[in-house]
Amino acid sequence: MENGQYKASSLEHLDYCCQLIGELYGKPDISAWTNSDFVRLGYILFKKTQVQISPNTLKRIFGKIKTDVRYYPQKATRDALARYIGYSDWDTFTYARPLPSKVADTPPETYTYPQPAVSETPTPFISRKKKATAGSIMLAALVLAGVVAFWAYKSFFVQNESTAPTLTCTNPVGENPHSAMFVINNMPSLSHTKDHFTIDFGDSKRISLIAGDSLYSHYYEVPGRYLAILKQNGEPLDTASVYLETTGWTATARMMYDTTRVYPIEIQNLFKSGKKSVSAVEVARAGIDTNRTFFVDFINSYVADIDGDNFELLINLKTSPSRPGVRCSQVRVTVFGESSKHLFDVMKPGCVHWTDMQFSEVAKQGETNELHFLGADLHEGGSVGLKVAEKHASISINSKQVYETDYVKPLKKVYGIGVTFSGIGAIHSVVLKDLKTGQTFDGNFQ
């Protein structure tokens, strides 16, 4: 068991290691690092050490995420950090690199050569002096060679690693529809690399990058907030947000397996004056073949003064009755956030295989998880609710809590609500409010 003195020394070595990593990474001011720096450093560490360290873990190690007790990573993680700065493992680093404070407090050792006695000839003294001079020269040469090798490594390898590709959207905010422009910075020549680069645009569409191209455009057709992700061989490198705002509630239809376009439904005073839904005739008039499987997205998107990690949402609704193309009578509720989103599906009990659920970074699918609690038939009406308090989320169906979980990555501000039906559904009321301030959503109605 470690005693207090050893633990303090270990934390000092960890801080010193972080300092060296910051210098090697090319940004010694760690306090100025952004999320992209931790994402990029995680990729560099994995590429060099084959050890996967998440951005959140790196933030704890570097003190970006504050904890009650100073975070001290496990041995495998410490070994990876040490290997990044040139040591075989953590123990080798702590043995070979004393802390700067200890080096400064320890006076350098001195050696005084003995003066020869009167009866001695000066020859032995001269011989020792020559040997000492030769040893000093050799030591200086080794030190100089080490310094040159270190700076050569830093200039060549680290420069290449710290300039990993980044993704930027030059016009992230727009109305519906919106053509977003993305710029790839520091992109390697794809004709000279075996790596595969892609952009996931956050709306179920993705492209592979082309050699020589650094500018890409994407056409967004449905309101909401999207996180586009630049990936290398399937691993995230960087993200950029895109936000399509609305004026009040909108309705947009789409068909299953048709990824080429969506169908806006022009409705005046939606969810006002008793207008709770859209009809099959209005959907067909927009261009949808209502004999096939189709979905209708009701979205109200704007930057609300509501905390995405402390709110309560209650929706009274009715899902679609059985009809051609509709068997599961499903509804999806989405809360768009500044940095991520919350969503969950509710379907007929026999269809929970197709359900999805996400709370910020926590995501589960019915195909690989037991999500039976999301099974409910609401085609005759019912309610769904979502309550989030200090990043603790709970789902309720018909006023009964069916699930709860915690997440880490904050959603920050709410950027809107989406309610998606398979087929024709109706929304009877929406009530969203901030649990701390009482601030209400502009799109509320009852």
Protein backbone atom coordinates (compact mmCIF):
# COMPACT_ATOMS: atom_id res chain seq x y z
CA MET A 1 0.00 0.00 0.00
CA GLU A 2 1.35 3.42 -0.90
CA ASN A 3 2.06 5.85 1.92
CA GLY A 4 1.33 9.56 1.71
CA GLN A 5 4.90 10.52 0.92
CA TYR A 6 5.13 8.12 -2.02
CA LYS A 7 1.73 9.22 -3.36
CA ALA A 8 2.72 12.87 -3.31
CA SER A 9 5.90 12.03 -5.20
CA SER A 10 3.88 10.03 -7.74
CA LEU A 11 1.53 12.96 -8.36
CA GLU A 12 4.50 15.27 -8.76
CA HIS A 13 5.95 12.91 -11.36
CA LEU A 14 2.54 12.82 -13.10
CA ASP A 15 2.42 16.63 -13.27
CA TYR A 16 6.00 16.70 -14.56
CA CYS A 17 5.12 14.07 -17.19
CA CYS A 18 2.13 16.20 -18.30
CA GLN A 19 4.44 19.19 -18.60
CA LEU A 20 6.83 17.23 -20.84
CA ILE A 21 3.93 15.92 -22.93
CA GLY A 22 2.66 19.48 -23.42
CA GLU A 23 6.09 20.58 -24.65
CA LEU A 24 6.42 17.57 -26.93
CA TYR A 25 2.88 18.06 -28.26
CA GLY A 26 3.81 21.62 -29.18
CA LYS A 27 1.46 23.47 -26.79
CA PRO A 28 3.16 23.85 -23.39
CA ASP A 29 0.32 26.03 -22.02
CA ILE A 30 -2.01 23.15 -21.12
CA SER A 31 -4.57 25.51 -19.55
CA ALA A 32 -5.31 26.85 -23.05
CA TRP A 33 -6.04 23.41 -24.54
CA THR A 34 -9.47 22.85 -26.07
CA ASN A 35 -11.46 19.64 -26.49
CA SER A 36 -9.87 19.19 -29.93
CA ASP A 37 -6.40 19.06 -28.35
CA PHE A 38 -7.40 16.19 -26.06
CA VAL A 39 -9.09 14.35 -28.94
CA ARG A 40 -5.98 14.82 -31.08
CA LEU A 41 -3.58 13.83 -28.28
CA GLY A 42 -5.62 10.66 -27.66
CA TYR A 43 -5.23 9.76 -31.32
CA ILE A 44 -1.47 10.47 -31.25
CA LEU A 45 -1.00 8.37 -28.11
CA PHE A 46 -2.91 5.46 -29.63
CA LYS A 47 -0.94 5.69 -32.86
CA LYS A 48 2.36 5.59 -30.98
CA THR A 49 1.57 3.27 -28.05
CA GLN A 50 -1.53 1.29 -29.15
CA VAL A 51 -3.15 2.28 -25.84
CA GLN A 52 -6.57 3.94 -26.14
CA ILE A 53 -7.03 6.85 -23.71
CA SER A 54 -10.31 8.74 -24.00
CA PRO A 55 -10.39 12.56 -24.16
CA ASN A 56 -12.24 12.68 -20.81
CA THR A 57 -9.56 10.55 -19.12
CA LEU A 58 -6.85 12.81 -20.55
CA LYS A 59 -8.71 15.84 -19.20
CA ARG A 60 -8.70 14.29 -15.72
CA ILE A 61 -4.99 13.46 -15.99
CA PHE A 62 -4.12 17.00 -17.09
CA GLY A 63 -6.45 18.59 -14.52
CA LYS A 64 -8.91 20.02 -17.04
CA ILE A 65 -11.77 18.17 -15.32
CA LYS A 66 -11.58 18.90 -11.61
CA THR A 67 -12.18 16.05 -9.16
CA ASP A 68 -12.36 15.95 -5.35
CA VAL A 69 -9.16 13.89 -5.25
CA ARG A 70 -6.35 14.40 -7.74
CA TYR A 71 -6.85 11.79 -10.46
CA TYR A 72 -4.05 9.21 -10.68
CA PRO A 73 -4.33 6.88 -13.73
CA GLN A 74 -3.73 3.16 -13.77
CA LYS A 75 -0.32 1.67 -14.59
CA ALA A 76 -1.06 0.89 -18.26
CA THR A 77 -2.10 4.49 -18.86
CA ARG A 78 0.99 5.86 -17.10
CA ASP A 79 3.20 3.51 -19.15
CA ALA A 80 1.64 4.88 -22.35
CA LEU A 81 2.29 8.48 -21.25
CA ALA A 82 5.91 7.62 -20.47
CA ARG A 83 6.39 5.89 -23.83
CA TYR A 84 5.10 8.97 -25.61
CA ILE A 85 7.95 11.06 -24.19
CA GLY A 86 10.57 8.43 -24.99
CA TYR A 87 10.73 6.02 -22.03
CA SER A 88 10.03 2.30 -22.00
CA ASP A 89 7.53 2.53 -19.11
CA TRP A 90 6.48 4.66 -16.16
CA ASP A 91 9.01 3.17 -13.70
CA THR A 92 11.86 3.93 -16.10
CA PHE A 93 10.65 7.52 -16.43
CA THR A 94 10.39 8.13 -12.67
CA TYR A 95 13.83 6.58 -12.12
CA ALA A 96 15.59 8.39 -14.95
CA ARG A 97 13.89 11.79 -14.68
CA PRO A 98 14.01 13.27 -11.16
CA LEU A 99 11.64 16.15 -10.52
CA PRO A 100 12.92 19.62 -11.52
CA SER A 101 12.47 20.88 -7.93
CA LYS A 102 14.61 18.06 -6.55
CA VAL A 103 17.30 18.70 -9.15
CA ALA A 104 17.36 22.38 -8.24
CA ASP A 105 17.55 21.71 -4.47
CA THR A 106 20.46 19.26 -4.76
CA PRO A 107 23.87 20.96 -5.00
CA PRO A 108 26.12 19.61 -7.72
CA GLU A 109 28.78 17.22 -6.59
CA THR A 110 32.34 18.58 -6.66
CA TYR A 111 35.66 16.79 -6.67
CA THR A 112 38.98 18.28 -5.63
CA TYR A 113 42.01 16.54 -6.98
CA PRO A 114 44.65 15.87 -4.31
CA GLN A 115 47.78 18.05 -4.37
CA PRO A 116 51.00 16.06 -4.75
CA ALA A 117 53.42 15.87 -1.82
CA VAL A 118 56.87 17.48 -2.12
CA SER A 119 58.50 14.13 -2.57
CA GLU A 120 56.13 13.18 -5.41
CA THR A 121 56.81 13.99 -9.01
CA PRO A 122 54.11 15.89 -10.93
CA THR A 123 53.70 13.14 -13.49
CA PRO A 124 50.88 11.16 -11.79
CA PHE A 125 48.89 14.38 -11.21
CA ILE A 126 49.18 15.36 -14.89
CA SER A 127 48.05 11.89 -15.92
CA ARG A 128 44.90 12.13 -13.78
CA LYS A 129 44.14 15.59 -15.17
CA LYS A 130 44.41 14.35 -18.74
CA LYS A 131 42.08 11.46 -17.92
CA ALA A 132 39.56 13.79 -16.28
CA THR A 133 39.67 16.18 -19.27
CA ALA A 134 39.13 13.33 -21.72
CA GLY A 135 36.21 12.02 -19.66
CA SER A 136 34.62 15.47 -19.51
CA ILE A 137 34.89 15.88 -23.26
CA MET A 138 33.31 12.48 -23.85
CA LEU A 139 30.49 13.27 -21.42
CA ALA A 140 29.87 16.64 -23.07
CA ALA A 141 29.80 14.96 -26.49
CA LEU A 142 27.22 12.43 -25.30
CA VAL A 143 25.05 15.16 -23.79
CA LEU A 144 25.30 17.22 -26.98
CA ALA A 145 24.38 14.20 -29.11
CA GLY A 146 21.37 13.53 -26.89
CA VAL A 147 20.18 17.13 -27.16
CA VAL A 148 20.57 17.10 -30.94
CA ALA A 149 18.70 13.78 -31.21
CA PHE A 150 15.88 15.06 -28.98
CA TRP A 151 15.35 18.25 -30.97
CA ALA A 152 15.56 16.34 -34.25
CA TYR A 153 12.85 14.02 -32.98
CA LYS A 154 10.76 16.92 -31.74
CA SER A 155 11.15 18.90 -34.95
CA PHE A 156 10.34 16.00 -37.27
CA PHE A 157 7.99 13.57 -35.53
CA VAL A 158 6.21 15.81 -33.05
CA GLN A 159 5.62 18.52 -35.58
CA ASN A 160 3.93 15.96 -37.79
CA GLU A 161 1.85 14.56 -34.92
CA SER A 162 0.75 17.90 -33.47
CA THR A 163 -0.55 19.02 -36.84
CA ALA A 164 -3.18 16.29 -37.10
CA PRO A 165 -6.10 17.05 -39.45
CA THR A 166 -8.86 19.29 -38.06
CA LEU A 167 -12.42 19.99 -39.19
CA THR A 168 -13.97 23.47 -39.33
CA CYS A 169 -17.39 24.64 -40.54
CA THR A 170 -17.16 28.15 -41.95
CA ASN A 171 -20.93 28.83 -41.76
CA PRO A 172 -22.27 26.70 -38.89
CA VAL A 173 -25.58 28.57 -38.37
CA GLY A 174 -28.37 28.80 -40.93
CA GLU A 175 -32.04 28.34 -41.66
CA ASN A 176 -33.69 25.31 -43.26
CA PRO A 177 -32.36 24.19 -45.73
CA HIS A 178 -28.68 24.99 -45.24
CA SER A 179 -25.53 24.34 -47.29
CA ALA A 180 -22.69 24.02 -44.80
CA MET A 181 -19.06 24.46 -45.90
CA PHE A 182 -16.39 22.35 -44.20
CA VAL A 183 -12.62 22.93 -44.34
CA ILE A 184 -10.04 20.23 -43.59
CA ASN A 185 -6.80 21.65 -42.19
CA ASN A 186 -3.43 19.84 -42.10
CA MET A 187 -4.75 17.05 -44.29
CA PRO A 188 -2.02 14.63 -45.48
CA SER A 189 -1.77 13.77 -49.15
CA LEU A 190 -4.24 10.91 -49.49
CA SER A 191 -2.35 9.57 -52.48
CA HIS A 192 0.64 8.89 -50.18
CA THR A 193 -1.17 7.36 -47.18
CA LYS A 194 -3.01 4.12 -46.56
CA ASP A 195 -5.31 5.80 -44.03
CA HIS A 196 -8.99 6.21 -44.87
CA PHE A 197 -10.54 9.59 -43.97
CA THR A 198 -14.28 10.24 -43.79
CA ILE A 199 -16.72 12.90 -42.59
CA ASP A 200 -19.91 11.81 -40.79
CA PHE A 201 -22.23 14.79 -41.16
CA GLY A 202 -24.50 13.83 -38.25
CA ASP A 203 -27.62 13.31 -40.37
CA SER A 204 -26.92 9.65 -41.29
CA LYS A 205 -24.85 10.72 -44.31
CA ARG A 206 -21.13 10.24 -44.78
CA ILE A 207 -18.48 10.82 -47.45
CA SER A 208 -14.96 9.54 -48.05
CA LEU A 209 -12.40 12.28 -48.57
CA ILE A 210 -10.71 12.77 -51.92
CA ALA A 211 -6.98 13.30 -52.49
CA GLY A 212 -6.13 16.98 -52.86
CA ASP A 213 -9.50 18.30 -51.65
CA SER A 214 -9.73 20.33 -48.45
CA LEU A 215 -13.16 21.95 -48.96
CA TYR A 216 -16.43 20.03 -48.74
CA SER A 217 -20.07 21.11 -48.81
CA HIS A 218 -23.07 19.34 -47.28
CA TYR A 219 -26.76 20.06 -47.75
CA TYR A 220 -28.81 19.86 -44.54
CA GLU A 221 -32.58 19.61 -45.04
CA VAL A 222 -34.04 19.00 -41.58
CA PRO A 223 -33.83 21.57 -38.73
CA GLY A 224 -31.82 20.78 -35.60
CA ARG A 225 -28.25 20.70 -34.34
CA TYR A 226 -25.72 18.35 -35.91
CA LEU A 227 -22.17 17.30 -34.99
CA ALA A 228 -20.05 16.53 -38.05
CA ILE A 229 -17.14 14.20 -37.24
CA LEU A 230 -13.85 13.85 -39.11
CA LYS A 231 -12.62 10.25 -38.82
CA GLN A 232 -9.41 8.43 -39.70
CA ASN A 233 -9.84 4.69 -40.16
CA GLY A 234 -13.11 4.95 -38.24
CA GLU A 235 -11.58 6.77 -35.24
CA PRO A 236 -12.77 10.35 -34.48
CA LEU A 237 -10.22 13.12 -34.98
CA ASP A 238 -12.24 16.32 -34.71
CA THR A 239 -15.82 17.63 -34.67
CA ALA A 240 -17.67 20.69 -35.96
CA SER A 241 -21.23 21.71 -35.12
CA VAL A 242 -23.96 22.84 -37.54
CA TYR A 243 -27.23 24.39 -36.42
CA LEU A 244 -30.44 24.91 -38.44
CA GLU A 245 -32.91 27.08 -36.57
CA THR A 246 -36.65 27.44 -37.10
CA THR A 247 -39.37 29.96 -36.44
CA GLY A 248 -41.80 27.92 -34.37
CA TRP A 249 -42.75 24.29 -35.07
CA THR A 250 -42.10 22.71 -38.48
CA ALA A 251 -43.09 19.40 -40.08
CA THR A 252 -40.85 17.44 -42.48
CA ALA A 253 -41.63 14.02 -43.99
CA ARG A 254 -39.22 11.40 -45.31
CA MET A 255 -39.44 7.84 -46.60
CA MET A 256 -37.52 4.80 -45.42
CA TYR A 257 -34.58 3.86 -47.66
CA ASP A 258 -34.86 7.16 -49.56
CA THR A 259 -31.74 9.06 -48.49
CA THR A 260 -31.74 11.47 -51.41
CA ARG A 261 -34.32 13.99 -50.18
CA VAL A 262 -36.90 15.01 -47.58
CA TYR A 263 -40.35 16.53 -48.00
CA PRO A 264 -41.21 19.73 -46.06
CA ILE A 265 -44.91 19.98 -45.21
CA GLU A 266 -46.16 23.55 -45.43
CA ILE A 267 -48.59 23.97 -42.52
CA GLN A 268 -49.81 27.29 -41.13
CA ASN A 269 -50.21 27.65 -37.34
CA LEU A 270 -48.97 24.15 -36.55
CA PHE A 271 -49.89 23.19 -32.96
CA LYS A 272 -52.03 26.31 -32.68
CA SER A 273 -55.82 26.69 -32.74
CA GLY A 274 -56.35 22.97 -32.22
CA LYS A 275 -53.99 21.86 -35.03
CA LYS A 276 -52.30 18.84 -33.36
CA SER A 277 -51.03 16.91 -36.39
CA VAL A 278 -50.75 16.70 -40.16
CA SER A 279 -53.13 14.61 -42.23
CA ALA A 280 -52.31 11.84 -44.69
CA VAL A 281 -53.56 14.14 -47.45
CA GLU A 282 -51.13 16.90 -46.43
CA VAL A 283 -48.28 14.38 -46.32
CA ALA A 284 -49.17 13.03 -49.76
CA ARG A 285 -49.42 16.56 -51.14
CA ALA A 286 -45.81 17.15 -49.98
CA GLY A 287 -44.69 14.24 -52.22
CA ILE A 288 -44.75 11.19 -49.92
CA ASP A 289 -46.13 7.83 -51.07
CA THR A 290 -48.26 7.11 -48.00
CA ASN A 291 -48.57 3.43 -48.95
CA ARG A 292 -44.91 3.01 -48.07
CA THR A 293 -43.10 3.41 -44.72
CA PHE A 294 -42.64 7.10 -43.97
CA PHE A 295 -41.77 9.32 -41.02
CA VAL A 296 -42.82 12.81 -39.99
CA ASP A 297 -40.42 15.00 -37.96
CA PHE A 298 -41.93 17.80 -35.86
CA ILE A 299 -39.08 20.13 -34.83
CA ASN A 300 -38.82 23.43 -32.99
CA SER A 301 -35.20 24.57 -32.98
CA TYR A 302 -33.74 27.70 -31.37
CA VAL A 303 -31.15 28.52 -28.70
CA ALA A 304 -33.22 28.28 -25.52
CA ASP A 305 -32.12 29.67 -22.18
CA ILE A 306 -32.62 26.21 -20.66
CA ASP A 307 -29.92 24.01 -19.11
CA GLY A 308 -29.68 20.75 -21.05
CA ASP A 309 -28.46 19.00 -17.90
CA ASN A 310 -31.27 20.26 -15.62
CA PHE A 311 -34.72 20.21 -17.20
CA GLU A 312 -38.03 18.39 -17.31
CA LEU A 313 -39.97 17.54 -20.50
CA LEU A 314 -43.48 16.07 -20.71
CA ILE A 315 -45.27 15.33 -24.00
CA ASN A 316 -48.82 14.06 -24.44
CA LEU A 317 -49.21 12.38 -27.81
CA LYS A 318 -50.81 9.67 -29.92
CA THR A 319 -48.79 7.47 -32.26
CA SER A 320 -49.97 6.25 -35.65
CA PRO A 321 -52.57 3.48 -35.90
CA SER A 322 -51.64 0.45 -37.99
CA ARG A 323 -51.65 1.30 -41.69
CA PRO A 324 -49.64 0.29 -44.79
CA GLY A 325 -45.97 0.74 -43.94
CA VAL A 326 -46.61 1.20 -40.20
CA ARG A 327 -46.47 -1.82 -37.88
CA CYS A 328 -44.46 -0.64 -34.87
CA SER A 329 -46.35 2.59 -34.06
CA GLN A 330 -43.16 4.32 -33.00
CA VAL A 331 -42.27 7.77 -31.68
CA ARG A 332 -38.83 9.28 -31.06
CA VAL A 333 -38.20 12.21 -28.72
CA THR A 334 -35.01 14.26 -29.24
CA VAL A 335 -33.62 17.14 -27.19
CA PHE A 336 -30.90 18.93 -29.17
CA GLY A 337 -28.03 20.25 -27.04
CA GLU A 338 -25.07 22.52 -27.56
CA SER A 339 -22.52 19.71 -27.38
CA SER A 340 -24.59 16.53 -27.87
CA LYS A 341 -28.20 15.36 -27.61
CA HIS A 342 -30.66 13.20 -25.67
CA LEU A 343 -33.09 10.89 -27.48
CA PHE A 344 -35.18 7.77 -26.94
CA ASP A 345 -37.69 5.71 -28.91
CA VAL A 346 -40.98 4.22 -27.71
CA MET A 347 -42.45 1.39 -29.83
CA LYS A 348 -44.90 -1.46 -29.60
CA PRO A 349 -43.42 -4.13 -27.29
CA GLY A 350 -42.77 -6.53 -30.16
CA CYS A 351 -40.63 -3.95 -31.96
CA VAL A 352 -38.09 -2.95 -29.26
CA HIS A 353 -35.36 -4.58 -31.38
CA TRP A 354 -35.41 -1.34 -33.41
CA THR A 355 -35.24 1.13 -30.52
CA ASP A 356 -32.41 3.59 -29.86
CA MET A 357 -31.55 5.57 -26.75
CA GLN A 358 -28.88 8.21 -26.13
CA PHE A 359 -27.98 10.52 -23.28
CA SER A 360 -25.00 12.61 -24.37
CA GLU A 361 -22.10 10.11 -24.68
CA VAL A 362 -24.16 7.16 -23.37
CA ALA A 363 -25.83 5.38 -26.32
CA LYS A 364 -27.60 2.01 -26.56
CA GLN A 365 -29.40 0.17 -29.35
CA GLY A 366 -32.12 -2.45 -29.02
CA GLU A 367 -30.24 -4.75 -31.41
CA THR A 368 -27.47 -5.32 -28.85
CA ASN A 369 -29.08 -4.27 -25.54
CA GLU A 370 -32.13 -5.23 -23.49
CA LEU A 371 -34.39 -2.18 -23.95
CA HIS A 372 -37.73 -3.84 -23.25
CA PHE A 373 -38.74 -0.90 -21.02
CA LEU A 374 -39.11 1.22 -24.19
CA GLY A 375 -41.94 -1.02 -25.39
CA ALA A 376 -45.39 0.60 -25.19
CA ASP A 377 -48.35 0.96 -27.55
CA LEU A 378 -49.40 4.62 -27.60
CA HIS A 379 -51.63 4.57 -30.69
CA GLU A 380 -54.64 5.39 -28.49
CA GLY A 381 -52.75 8.12 -26.64
CA GLY A 382 -50.37 8.46 -23.71
CA SER A 383 -47.46 10.47 -22.35
CA VAL A 384 -43.68 10.31 -22.48
CA GLY A 385 -41.38 12.25 -20.20
CA LEU A 386 -37.69 13.00 -19.75
CA LYS A 387 -36.20 14.48 -16.59
CA VAL A 388 -32.52 15.39 -16.30
CA ALA A 389 -31.03 16.63 -13.00
CA GLU A 390 -27.27 17.20 -12.69
CA LYS A 391 -26.57 14.81 -15.60
CA HIS A 392 -28.84 12.10 -14.19
CA ALA A 393 -31.51 11.23 -16.76
CA SER A 394 -34.77 9.32 -16.29
CA ILE A 395 -37.44 8.27 -18.81
CA SER A 396 -41.12 7.95 -17.94
CA ILE A 397 -43.96 6.44 -20.01
CA ASN A 398 -47.55 7.11 -18.96
CA SER A 399 -46.30 8.79 -15.74
CA LYS A 400 -44.25 5.73 -14.70
CA GLN A 401 -40.46 5.88 -14.55
CA VAL A 402 -39.01 3.07 -16.67
CA TYR A 403 -35.29 3.85 -16.86
CA GLU A 404 -32.56 6.04 -15.36
CA THR A 405 -28.86 6.55 -16.00
CA ASP A 406 -25.96 8.97 -15.52
CA TYR A 407 -23.74 10.55 -18.15
CA VAL A 408 -20.57 12.66 -18.05
CA LYS A 409 -20.38 15.00 -21.05
CA PRO A 410 -22.59 18.06 -20.39
CA LEU A 411 -25.25 18.93 -22.95
CA LYS A 412 -25.02 22.63 -22.02
CA LYS A 413 -27.81 24.75 -23.53
CA VAL A 414 -30.92 23.27 -25.13
CA TYR A 415 -31.08 23.95 -28.87
CA GLY A 416 -34.57 22.61 -29.54
CA ILE A 417 -36.93 19.63 -29.48
CA GLY A 418 -37.81 17.00 -32.09
CA VAL A 419 -40.72 14.52 -32.08
CA THR A 420 -40.68 11.91 -34.86
CA PHE A 421 -43.57 9.59 -35.73
CA SER A 422 -43.67 6.59 -37.99
CA GLY A 423 -46.77 7.36 -40.04
CA ILE A 424 -49.37 9.85 -38.81
CA GLY A 425 -49.10 10.87 -35.16
CA ALA A 426 -50.48 13.73 -33.10
CA ILE A 427 -49.01 15.90 -30.32
CA HIS A 428 -51.52 17.20 -27.77
CA SER A 429 -49.12 19.12 -25.50
CA VAL A 430 -45.45 19.90 -24.92
CA VAL A 431 -44.10 21.29 -21.64
CA LEU A 432 -40.35 21.86 -21.23
CA LYS A 433 -38.86 23.90 -18.39
CA ASP A 434 -35.54 24.50 -16.65
CA LEU A 435 -35.49 22.80 -13.23
CA LYS A 436 -33.34 25.51 -11.65
CA THR A 437 -34.60 28.76 -13.16
CA GLY A 438 -38.11 27.78 -14.20
CA GLN A 439 -37.46 29.15 -17.69
CA THR A 440 -39.91 27.63 -20.20
CA PHE A 441 -39.52 26.61 -23.83
CA ASP A 442 -41.00 28.98 -26.41
CA GLY A 443 -42.56 26.03 -28.23
CA ASN A 444 -44.62 24.84 -25.25
CA PHE A 445 -48.35 24.38 -25.83
CA GLN A 446 -51.24 22.69 -24.06
